[in-house]
Amino acid sequence: MDQSFLTHIEAVAASGKATIAADDHNIVEIVKNTITSGRTASFYLTHEQARAVKAWYWTPDRIKASGIKVVSGEERARIESTLGIDDIGSFRSTRIECECGNVYGAFEFLQQGIREHGADVVRSVFALKESSFLRANPHLLAICPNCDQLLRGDGFEYDCDGYGGCCYEEQRKL
Protein backbone atom coordinates (compact mmCIF):
# COMPACT_ATOMS: atom_id res chain seq x y z
CA MET A 1 0.00 0.00 0.00
CA ASP A 2 1.27 3.47 -0.88
CA GLN A 3 2.29 5.34 2.28
CA SER A 4 0.75 8.61 0.97
CA PHE A 5 -2.64 6.88 1.00
CA LEU A 6 -2.26 6.22 4.72
CA THR A 7 -1.14 9.82 5.25
CA HIS A 8 -4.43 11.03 3.73
CA ILE A 9 -6.46 8.63 5.86
CA GLU A 10 -4.57 9.70 8.97
CA ALA A 11 -5.31 13.35 8.20
CA VAL A 12 -9.02 12.62 7.86
CA ALA A 13 -9.06 10.61 11.10
CA ALA A 14 -7.03 13.29 12.90
CA SER A 15 -9.67 15.86 11.94
CA GLY A 16 -12.20 13.89 13.96
CA LYS A 17 -13.83 12.06 11.06
CA ALA A 18 -14.05 8.28 10.92
CA THR A 19 -12.75 6.19 8.08
CA ILE A 20 -13.99 2.66 7.51
CA ALA A 21 -12.53 -0.03 5.32
CA ALA A 22 -14.75 -3.03 4.53
CA ASP A 23 -16.07 -4.98 1.59
CA ASP A 24 -18.83 -3.40 -0.51
CA HIS A 25 -21.60 -5.48 1.04
CA ASN A 26 -20.73 -4.37 4.57
CA ILE A 27 -20.36 -0.70 3.59
CA VAL A 28 -23.78 -0.77 1.88
CA GLU A 29 -25.33 -2.39 4.98
CA ILE A 30 -23.75 0.26 7.25
CA VAL A 31 -25.24 3.03 5.08
CA LYS A 32 -28.66 1.34 4.96
CA ASN A 33 -28.62 0.85 8.74
CA THR A 34 -27.71 4.49 9.24
CA ILE A 35 -30.61 5.59 7.04
CA THR A 36 -33.17 3.35 8.76
CA SER A 37 -31.90 4.33 12.22
CA GLY A 38 -32.68 7.99 11.55
CA ARG A 39 -29.13 9.04 12.43
CA THR A 40 -27.40 11.63 10.29
CA ALA A 41 -24.09 10.88 8.59
CA SER A 42 -22.22 11.68 5.39
CA PHE A 43 -20.65 8.92 3.33
CA TYR A 44 -18.11 9.07 0.54
CA LEU A 45 -18.84 5.89 -1.40
CA THR A 46 -17.66 4.19 -4.54
CA HIS A 47 -20.10 4.60 -7.40
CA GLU A 48 -21.00 0.91 -7.09
CA GLN A 49 -21.76 1.25 -3.36
CA ALA A 50 -23.86 4.38 -3.96
CA ARG A 51 -25.81 2.64 -6.76
CA ALA A 52 -26.55 -0.29 -4.42
CA VAL A 53 -27.86 2.01 -1.67
CA LYS A 54 -29.92 4.05 -4.10
CA ALA A 55 -31.38 0.93 -5.75
CA TRP A 56 -32.58 -0.15 -2.29
CA TYR A 57 -33.83 3.32 -1.35
CA TRP A 58 -35.29 4.69 -4.59
CA THR A 59 -37.80 1.98 -5.45
CA PRO A 60 -40.31 2.75 -8.21
CA ASP A 61 -43.06 3.15 -5.60
CA ARG A 62 -40.88 5.50 -3.55
CA ILE A 63 -40.03 7.64 -6.59
CA LYS A 64 -43.70 7.94 -7.50
CA ALA A 65 -44.85 8.72 -3.95
CA SER A 66 -42.08 11.27 -3.27
CA GLY A 67 -42.69 13.28 -6.43
CA ILE A 68 -38.95 13.53 -7.14
CA LYS A 69 -38.33 14.64 -10.73
CA VAL A 70 -35.38 15.46 -12.96
CA VAL A 71 -34.61 19.18 -12.97
CA SER A 72 -36.11 20.91 -16.00
CA GLY A 73 -33.93 22.44 -18.70
CA GLU A 74 -35.10 25.90 -17.67
CA GLU A 75 -34.14 25.37 -14.02
CA ARG A 76 -30.82 23.78 -15.07
CA ALA A 77 -30.02 26.86 -17.17
CA ARG A 78 -30.88 29.13 -14.23
CA ILE A 79 -28.59 27.10 -11.95
CA GLU A 80 -25.74 27.42 -14.46
CA SER A 81 -26.19 31.12 -15.23
CA THR A 82 -27.06 32.43 -11.76
CA LEU A 83 -25.24 30.06 -9.41
CA GLY A 84 -22.31 29.17 -11.66
CA ILE A 85 -22.70 25.43 -11.25
CA ASP A 86 -22.01 24.14 -14.74
CA ASP A 87 -22.82 20.45 -14.53
CA ILE A 88 -25.37 19.11 -12.07
CA GLY A 89 -25.58 15.79 -13.89
CA SER A 90 -28.87 13.95 -13.58
CA PHE A 91 -29.96 16.01 -10.57
CA ARG A 92 -33.53 15.46 -9.50
CA SER A 93 -35.48 16.85 -6.59
CA THR A 94 -38.86 17.37 -5.06
CA ARG A 95 -40.49 20.79 -4.92
CA ILE A 96 -42.14 22.56 -1.99
CA GLU A 97 -44.57 25.44 -2.45
CA CYS A 98 -44.32 28.23 0.11
CA GLU A 99 -47.38 30.06 1.44
CA CYS A 100 -46.08 33.16 -0.39
CA GLY A 101 -46.39 31.30 -3.70
CA ASN A 102 -42.66 30.76 -4.28
CA VAL A 103 -41.55 27.22 -5.14
CA TYR A 104 -38.48 25.73 -3.45
CA GLY A 105 -36.76 23.37 -5.87
CA ALA A 106 -33.26 22.44 -7.00
CA PHE A 107 -32.26 26.06 -7.68
CA GLU A 108 -33.28 27.23 -4.21
CA PHE A 109 -31.69 24.17 -2.58
CA LEU A 110 -28.35 24.79 -4.28
CA GLN A 111 -28.61 28.54 -3.63
CA GLN A 112 -29.15 27.83 0.07
CA GLY A 113 -26.22 25.39 0.00
CA ILE A 114 -23.98 28.10 -1.42
CA ARG A 115 -25.11 30.56 1.29
CA GLU A 116 -24.48 28.03 4.06
CA HIS A 117 -21.32 26.27 2.81
CA GLY A 118 -19.85 28.43 0.04
CA ALA A 119 -19.82 28.09 -3.73
CA ASP A 120 -16.52 26.16 -3.81
CA VAL A 121 -17.89 23.44 -1.52
CA VAL A 122 -21.07 23.00 -3.57
CA ARG A 123 -19.12 22.92 -6.84
CA SER A 124 -16.65 20.44 -5.33
CA VAL A 125 -19.43 17.96 -4.60
CA PHE A 126 -20.54 18.05 -8.24
CA ALA A 127 -16.91 17.77 -9.37
CA LEU A 128 -16.39 14.38 -7.68
CA LYS A 129 -15.38 11.86 -10.33
CA GLU A 130 -14.17 8.80 -8.44
CA SER A 131 -16.69 8.77 -5.59
CA SER A 132 -20.26 9.66 -4.61
CA PHE A 133 -21.29 11.82 -1.66
CA LEU A 134 -24.40 10.58 0.13
CA ARG A 135 -26.13 12.23 3.10
CA ALA A 136 -28.15 9.94 5.33
CA ASN A 137 -31.01 11.76 7.04
CA PRO A 138 -29.78 15.28 6.29
CA HIS A 139 -31.13 17.99 8.54
CA LEU A 140 -32.21 20.41 5.86
CA LEU A 141 -34.18 23.41 6.99
CA ALA A 142 -35.60 24.55 3.68
CA ILE A 143 -35.99 28.33 3.75
CA CYS A 144 -37.96 30.27 1.16
CA PRO A 145 -35.57 32.80 -0.41
CA ASN A 146 -38.54 35.03 -1.23
CA CYS A 147 -39.94 35.54 2.30
CA ASP A 148 -37.35 33.79 4.57
CA GLN A 149 -40.08 31.52 5.94
CA LEU A 150 -39.13 28.03 7.11
CA LEU A 151 -40.88 25.66 4.73
CA ARG A 152 -42.99 22.90 6.10
CA GLY A 153 -44.60 20.12 4.21
CA ASP A 154 -43.48 16.74 3.00
CA GLY A 155 -39.77 17.59 3.07
CA PHE A 156 -37.24 18.14 0.35
CA GLU A 157 -35.44 15.24 -1.29
CA TYR A 158 -32.67 15.25 -3.87
CA ASP A 159 -30.48 12.85 -5.79
CA CYS A 160 -28.07 12.61 -8.71
CA ASP A 161 -25.27 10.33 -9.87
CA GLY A 162 -22.57 11.67 -7.55
CA TYR A 163 -24.64 13.24 -4.80
CA GLY A 164 -27.77 12.41 -2.90
CA GLY A 165 -29.71 12.39 0.32
CA CYS A 166 -31.69 9.51 1.77
CA CYS A 167 -33.99 10.30 4.64
CA TYR A 168 -35.69 7.74 6.85
CA GLU A 169 -38.27 10.25 8.07
CA GLU A 170 -39.42 10.75 4.49
CA GLN A 171 -39.28 7.00 3.84
CA ARG A 172 -41.54 6.28 6.84
CA LYS A 173 -44.22 8.58 5.46
CA LEU A 174 -44.61 6.40 2.38
C-alpha atoms as a PDB file:
ATOM      1  CA  MET A   1       0.000   0.000   0.000  1.00  0.00           C
ATOM      2  CA  ASP A   2       1.272   3.468  -0.883  1.00  0.00           C
ATOM      3  CA  GLN A   3       2.290   5.340   2.283  1.00  0.00           C
ATOM      4  CA  SER A   4       0.754   8.610   0.974  1.00  0.00           C
ATOM      5  CA  PHE A   5      -2.638   6.884   0.995  1.00  0.00           C
ATOM      6  CA  LEU A   6      -2.262   6.217   4.725  1.00  0.00           C
ATOM      7  CA  THR A   7      -1.136   9.816   5.255  1.00  0.00           C
ATOM      8  CA  HIS A   8      -4.425  11.034   3.733  1.00  0.00           C
ATOM      9  CA  ILE A   9      -6.459   8.632   5.858  1.00  0.00           C
ATOM     10  CA  GLU A  10      -4.570   9.695   8.968  1.00  0.00           C
ATOM     11  CA  ALA A  11      -5.309  13.354   8.196  1.00  0.00           C
ATOM     12  CA  VAL A  12      -9.024  12.616   7.862  1.00  0.00           C
ATOM     13  CA  ALA A  13      -9.058  10.606  11.101  1.00  0.00           C
ATOM     14  CA  ALA A  14      -7.034  13.287  12.900  1.00  0.00           C
ATOM     15  CA  SER A  15      -9.674  15.855  11.937  1.00  0.00           C
ATOM     16  CA  GLY A  16     -12.204  13.886  13.960  1.00  0.00           C
ATOM     17  CA  LYS A  17     -13.826  12.056  11.065  1.00  0.00           C
ATOM     18  CA  ALA A  18     -14.054   8.282  10.923  1.00  0.00           C
ATOM     19  CA  THR A  19     -12.753   6.193   8.084  1.00  0.00           C
ATOM     20  CA  ILE A  20     -13.992   2.662   7.509  1.00  0.00           C
ATOM     21  CA  ALA A  21     -12.532  -0.034   5.319  1.00  0.00           C
ATOM     22  CA  ALA A  22     -14.746  -3.028   4.534  1.00  0.00           C
ATOM     23  CA  ASP A  23     -16.072  -4.978   1.594  1.00  0.00           C
ATOM     24  CA  ASP A  24     -18.833  -3.401  -0.513  1.00  0.00           C
ATOM     25  CA  HIS A  25     -21.604  -5.477   1.036  1.00  0.00           C
ATOM     26  CA  ASN A  26     -20.734  -4.372   4.569  1.00  0.00           C
ATOM     27  CA  ILE A  27     -20.363  -0.704   3.589  1.00  0.00           C
ATOM     28  CA  VAL A  28     -23.780  -0.769   1.885  1.00  0.00           C
ATOM     29  CA  GLU A  29     -25.327  -2.388   4.977  1.00  0.00           C
ATOM     30  CA  ILE A  30     -23.752   0.255   7.249  1.00  0.00           C
ATOM     31  CA  VAL A  31     -25.237   3.031   5.085  1.00  0.00           C
ATOM     32  CA  LYS A  32     -28.662   1.345   4.964  1.00  0.00           C
ATOM     33  CA  ASN A  33     -28.624   0.848   8.744  1.00  0.00           C
ATOM     34  CA  THR A  34     -27.713   4.495   9.237  1.00  0.00           C
ATOM     35  CA  ILE A  35     -30.612   5.586   7.037  1.00  0.00           C
ATOM     36  CA  THR A  36     -33.173   3.355   8.760  1.00  0.00           C
ATOM     37  CA  SER A  37     -31.904   4.335  12.224  1.00  0.00           C
ATOM     38  CA  GLY A  38     -32.682   7.987  11.553  1.00  0.00           C
ATOM     39  CA  ARG A  39     -29.125   9.044  12.430  1.00  0.00           C
ATOM     40  CA  THR A  40     -27.395  11.628  10.285  1.00  0.00           C
ATOM     41  CA  ALA A  41     -24.087  10.876   8.590  1.00  0.00           C
ATOM     42  CA  SER A  42     -22.220  11.680   5.391  1.00  0.00           C
ATOM     43  CA  PHE A  43     -20.652   8.916   3.325  1.00  0.00           C
ATOM     44  CA  TYR A  44     -18.113   9.068   0.538  1.00  0.00           C
ATOM     45  CA  LEU A  45     -18.841   5.890  -1.397  1.00  0.00           C
ATOM     46  CA  THR A  46     -17.664   4.195  -4.543  1.00  0.00           C
ATOM     47  CA  HIS A  47     -20.103   4.604  -7.403  1.00  0.00           C
ATOM     48  CA  GLU A  48     -21.001   0.914  -7.086  1.00  0.00           C
ATOM     49  CA  GLN A  49     -21.756   1.254  -3.359  1.00  0.00           C
ATOM     50  CA  ALA A  50     -23.864   4.382  -3.961  1.00  0.00           C
ATOM     51  CA  ARG A  51     -25.807   2.638  -6.756  1.00  0.00           C
ATOM     52  CA  ALA A  52     -26.553  -0.293  -4.422  1.00  0.00           C
ATOM     53  CA  VAL A  53     -27.856   2.005  -1.667  1.00  0.00           C
ATOM     54  CA  LYS A  54     -29.919   4.047  -4.102  1.00  0.00           C
ATOM     55  CA  ALA A  55     -31.385   0.931  -5.747  1.00  0.00           C
ATOM     56  CA  TRP A  56     -32.583  -0.149  -2.291  1.00  0.00           C
ATOM     57  CA  TYR A  57     -33.833   3.319  -1.346  1.00  0.00           C
ATOM     58  CA  TRP A  58     -35.292   4.687  -4.586  1.00  0.00           C
ATOM     59  CA  THR A  59     -37.795   1.984  -5.448  1.00  0.00           C
ATOM     60  CA  PRO A  60     -40.313   2.753  -8.214  1.00  0.00           C
ATOM     61  CA  ASP A  61     -43.063   3.151  -5.597  1.00  0.00           C
ATOM     62  CA  ARG A  62     -40.879   5.501  -3.552  1.00  0.00           C
ATOM     63  CA  ILE A  63     -40.030   7.636  -6.592  1.00  0.00           C
ATOM     64  CA  LYS A  64     -43.702   7.945  -7.503  1.00  0.00           C
ATOM     65  CA  ALA A  65     -44.847   8.721  -3.947  1.00  0.00           C
ATOM     66  CA  SER A  66     -42.079  11.271  -3.268  1.00  0.00           C
ATOM     67  CA  GLY A  67     -42.689  13.278  -6.427  1.00  0.00           C
ATOM     68  CA  ILE A  68     -38.955  13.535  -7.140  1.00  0.00           C
ATOM     69  CA  LYS A  69     -38.326  14.638 -10.733  1.00  0.00           C
ATOM     70  CA  VAL A  70     -35.382  15.461 -12.963  1.00  0.00           C
ATOM     71  CA  VAL A  71     -34.610  19.182 -12.972  1.00  0.00           C
ATOM     72  CA  SER A  72     -36.109  20.915 -15.999  1.00  0.00           C
ATOM     73  CA  GLY A  73     -33.930  22.436 -18.701  1.00  0.00           C
ATOM     74  CA  GLU A  74     -35.099  25.903 -17.671  1.00  0.00           C
ATOM     75  CA  GLU A  75     -34.140  25.373 -14.021  1.00  0.00           C
ATOM     76  CA  ARG A  76     -30.824  23.782 -15.065  1.00  0.00           C
ATOM     77  CA  ALA A  77     -30.016  26.859 -17.173  1.00  0.00           C
ATOM     78  CA  ARG A  78     -30.877  29.133 -14.227  1.00  0.00           C
ATOM     79  CA  ILE A  79     -28.586  27.105 -11.946  1.00  0.00           C
ATOM     80  CA  GLU A  80     -25.743  27.419 -14.458  1.00  0.00           C
ATOM     81  CA  SER A  81     -26.189  31.120 -15.229  1.00  0.00           C
ATOM     82  CA  THR A  82     -27.064  32.428 -11.759  1.00  0.00           C
ATOM     83  CA  LEU A  83     -25.242  30.061  -9.410  1.00  0.00           C
ATOM     84  CA  GLY A  84     -22.311  29.169 -11.664  1.00  0.00           C
ATOM     85  CA  ILE A  85     -22.702  25.426 -11.247  1.00  0.00           C
ATOM     86  CA  ASP A  86     -22.008  24.144 -14.740  1.00  0.00           C
ATOM     87  CA  ASP A  87     -22.819  20.455 -14.533  1.00  0.00           C
ATOM     88  CA  ILE A  88     -25.374  19.108 -12.065  1.00  0.00           C
ATOM     89  CA  GLY A  89     -25.580  15.792 -13.890  1.00  0.00           C
ATOM     90  CA  SER A  90     -28.869  13.947 -13.578  1.00  0.00           C
ATOM     91  CA  PHE A  91     -29.958  16.006 -10.566  1.00  0.00           C
ATOM     92  CA  ARG A  92     -33.529  15.456  -9.498  1.00  0.00           C
ATOM     93  CA  SER A  93     -35.478  16.847  -6.586  1.00  0.00           C
ATOM     94  CA  THR A  94     -38.856  17.372  -5.061  1.00  0.00           C
ATOM     95  CA  ARG A  95     -40.493  20.789  -4.919  1.00  0.00           C
ATOM     96  CA  ILE A  96     -42.141  22.563  -1.988  1.00  0.00           C
ATOM     97  CA  GLU A  97     -44.574  25.436  -2.448  1.00  0.00           C
ATOM     98  CA  CYS A  98     -44.323  28.232   0.110  1.00  0.00           C
ATOM     99  CA  GLU A  99     -47.375  30.057   1.439  1.00  0.00           C
ATOM    100  CA  CYS A 100     -46.076  33.158  -0.390  1.00  0.00           C
ATOM    101  CA  GLY A 101     -46.394  31.298  -3.703  1.00  0.00           C
ATOM    102  CA  ASN A 102     -42.662  30.755  -4.285  1.00  0.00           C
ATOM    103  CA  VAL A 103     -41.551  27.219  -5.135  1.00  0.00           C
ATOM    104  CA  TYR A 104     -38.477  25.730  -3.450  1.00  0.00           C
ATOM    105  CA  GLY A 105     -36.764  23.374  -5.867  1.00  0.00           C
ATOM    106  CA  ALA A 106     -33.265  22.438  -6.996  1.00  0.00           C
ATOM    107  CA  PHE A 107     -32.255  26.061  -7.684  1.00  0.00           C
ATOM    108  CA  GLU A 108     -33.282  27.230  -4.214  1.00  0.00           C
ATOM    109  CA  PHE A 109     -31.692  24.168  -2.576  1.00  0.00           C
ATOM    110  CA  LEU A 110     -28.350  24.789  -4.285  1.00  0.00           C
ATOM    111  CA  GLN A 111     -28.607  28.536  -3.630  1.00  0.00           C
ATOM    112  CA  GLN A 112     -29.146  27.828   0.073  1.00  0.00           C
ATOM    113  CA  GLY A 113     -26.219  25.385   0.004  1.00  0.00           C
ATOM    114  CA  ILE A 114     -23.976  28.100  -1.415  1.00  0.00           C
ATOM    115  CA  ARG A 115     -25.108  30.556   1.287  1.00  0.00           C
ATOM    116  CA  GLU A 116     -24.475  28.026   4.062  1.00  0.00           C
ATOM    117  CA  HIS A 117     -21.320  26.266   2.806  1.00  0.00           C
ATOM    118  CA  GLY A 118     -19.851  28.426   0.041  1.00  0.00           C
ATOM    119  CA  ALA A 119     -19.816  28.085  -3.726  1.00  0.00           C
ATOM    120  CA  ASP A 120     -16.524  26.160  -3.807  1.00  0.00           C
ATOM    121  CA  VAL A 121     -17.889  23.442  -1.516  1.00  0.00           C
ATOM    122  CA  VAL A 122     -21.072  23.001  -3.569  1.00  0.00           C
ATOM    123  CA  ARG A 123     -19.118  22.923  -6.844  1.00  0.00           C
ATOM    124  CA  SER A 124     -16.647  20.437  -5.335  1.00  0.00           C
ATOM    125  CA  VAL A 125     -19.432  17.960  -4.600  1.00  0.00           C
ATOM    126  CA  PHE A 126     -20.540  18.047  -8.239  1.00  0.00           C
ATOM    127  CA  ALA A 127     -16.908  17.767  -9.374  1.00  0.00           C
ATOM    128  CA  LEU A 128     -16.387  14.382  -7.676  1.00  0.00           C
ATOM    129  CA  LYS A 129     -15.377  11.859 -10.335  1.00  0.00           C
ATOM    130  CA  GLU A 130     -14.172   8.800  -8.439  1.00  0.00           C
ATOM    131  CA  SER A 131     -16.694   8.770  -5.586  1.00  0.00           C
ATOM    132  CA  SER A 132     -20.257   9.660  -4.610  1.00  0.00           C
ATOM    133  CA  PHE A 133     -21.287  11.816  -1.663  1.00  0.00           C
ATOM    134  CA  LEU A 134     -24.397  10.579   0.129  1.00  0.00           C
ATOM    135  CA  ARG A 135     -26.127  12.226   3.101  1.00  0.00           C
ATOM    136  CA  ALA A 136     -28.149   9.942   5.332  1.00  0.00           C
ATOM    137  CA  ASN A 137     -31.008  11.759   7.045  1.00  0.00           C
ATOM    138  CA  PRO A 138     -29.778  15.277   6.288  1.00  0.00           C
ATOM    139  CA  HIS A 139     -31.130  17.990   8.541  1.00  0.00           C
ATOM    140  CA  LEU A 140     -32.209  20.413   5.860  1.00  0.00           C
ATOM    141  CA  LEU A 141     -34.179  23.412   6.985  1.00  0.00           C
ATOM    142  CA  ALA A 142     -35.601  24.553   3.676  1.00  0.00           C
ATOM    143  CA  ILE A 143     -35.991  28.333   3.754  1.00  0.00           C
ATOM    144  CA  CYS A 144     -37.956  30.266   1.164  1.00  0.00           C
ATOM    145  CA  PRO A 145     -35.573  32.796  -0.406  1.00  0.00           C
ATOM    146  CA  ASN A 146     -38.537  35.028  -1.229  1.00  0.00           C
ATOM    147  CA  CYS A 147     -39.935  35.539   2.296  1.00  0.00           C
ATOM    148  CA  ASP A 148     -37.349  33.788   4.565  1.00  0.00           C
ATOM    149  CA  GLN A 149     -40.075  31.517   5.939  1.00  0.00           C
ATOM    150  CA  LEU A 150     -39.131  28.029   7.114  1.00  0.00           C
ATOM    151  CA  LEU A 151     -40.876  25.664   4.727  1.00  0.00           C
ATOM    152  CA  ARG A 152     -42.994  22.898   6.103  1.00  0.00           C
ATOM    153  CA  GLY A 153     -44.602  20.118   4.206  1.00  0.00           C
ATOM    154  CA  ASP A 154     -43.477  16.742   3.000  1.00  0.00           C
ATOM    155  CA  GLY A 155     -39.765  17.590   3.075  1.00  0.00           C
ATOM    156  CA  PHE A 156     -37.237  18.136   0.349  1.00  0.00           C
ATOM    157  CA  GLU A 157     -35.440  15.235  -1.285  1.00  0.00           C
ATOM    158  CA  TYR A 158     -32.673  15.250  -3.872  1.00  0.00           C
ATOM    159  CA  ASP A 159     -30.477  12.852  -5.794  1.00  0.00           C
ATOM    160  CA  CYS A 160     -28.073  12.610  -8.714  1.00  0.00           C
ATOM    161  CA  ASP A 161     -25.269  10.334  -9.869  1.00  0.00           C
ATOM    162  CA  GLY A 162     -22.565  11.673  -7.553  1.00  0.00           C
ATOM    163  CA  TYR A 163     -24.645  13.240  -4.803  1.00  0.00           C
ATOM    164  CA  GLY A 164     -27.770  12.411  -2.896  1.00  0.00           C
ATOM    165  CA  GLY A 165     -29.712  12.392   0.316  1.00  0.00           C
ATOM    166  CA  CYS A 166     -31.687   9.510   1.775  1.00  0.00           C
ATOM    167  CA  CYS A 167     -33.993  10.305   4.639  1.00  0.00           C
ATOM    168  CA  TYR A 168     -35.686   7.736   6.848  1.00  0.00           C
ATOM    169  CA  GLU A 169     -38.273  10.247   8.074  1.00  0.00           C
ATOM    170  CA  GLU A 170     -39.422  10.752   4.488  1.00  0.00           C
ATOM    171  CA  GLN A 171     -39.279   6.999   3.839  1.00  0.00           C
ATOM    172  CA  ARG A 172     -41.538   6.281   6.835  1.00  0.00           C
ATOM    173  CA  LYS A 173     -44.224   8.583   5.465  1.00  0.00           C
ATOM    174  CA  LEU A 174     -44.610   6.397   2.382  1.00  0.00           C
END
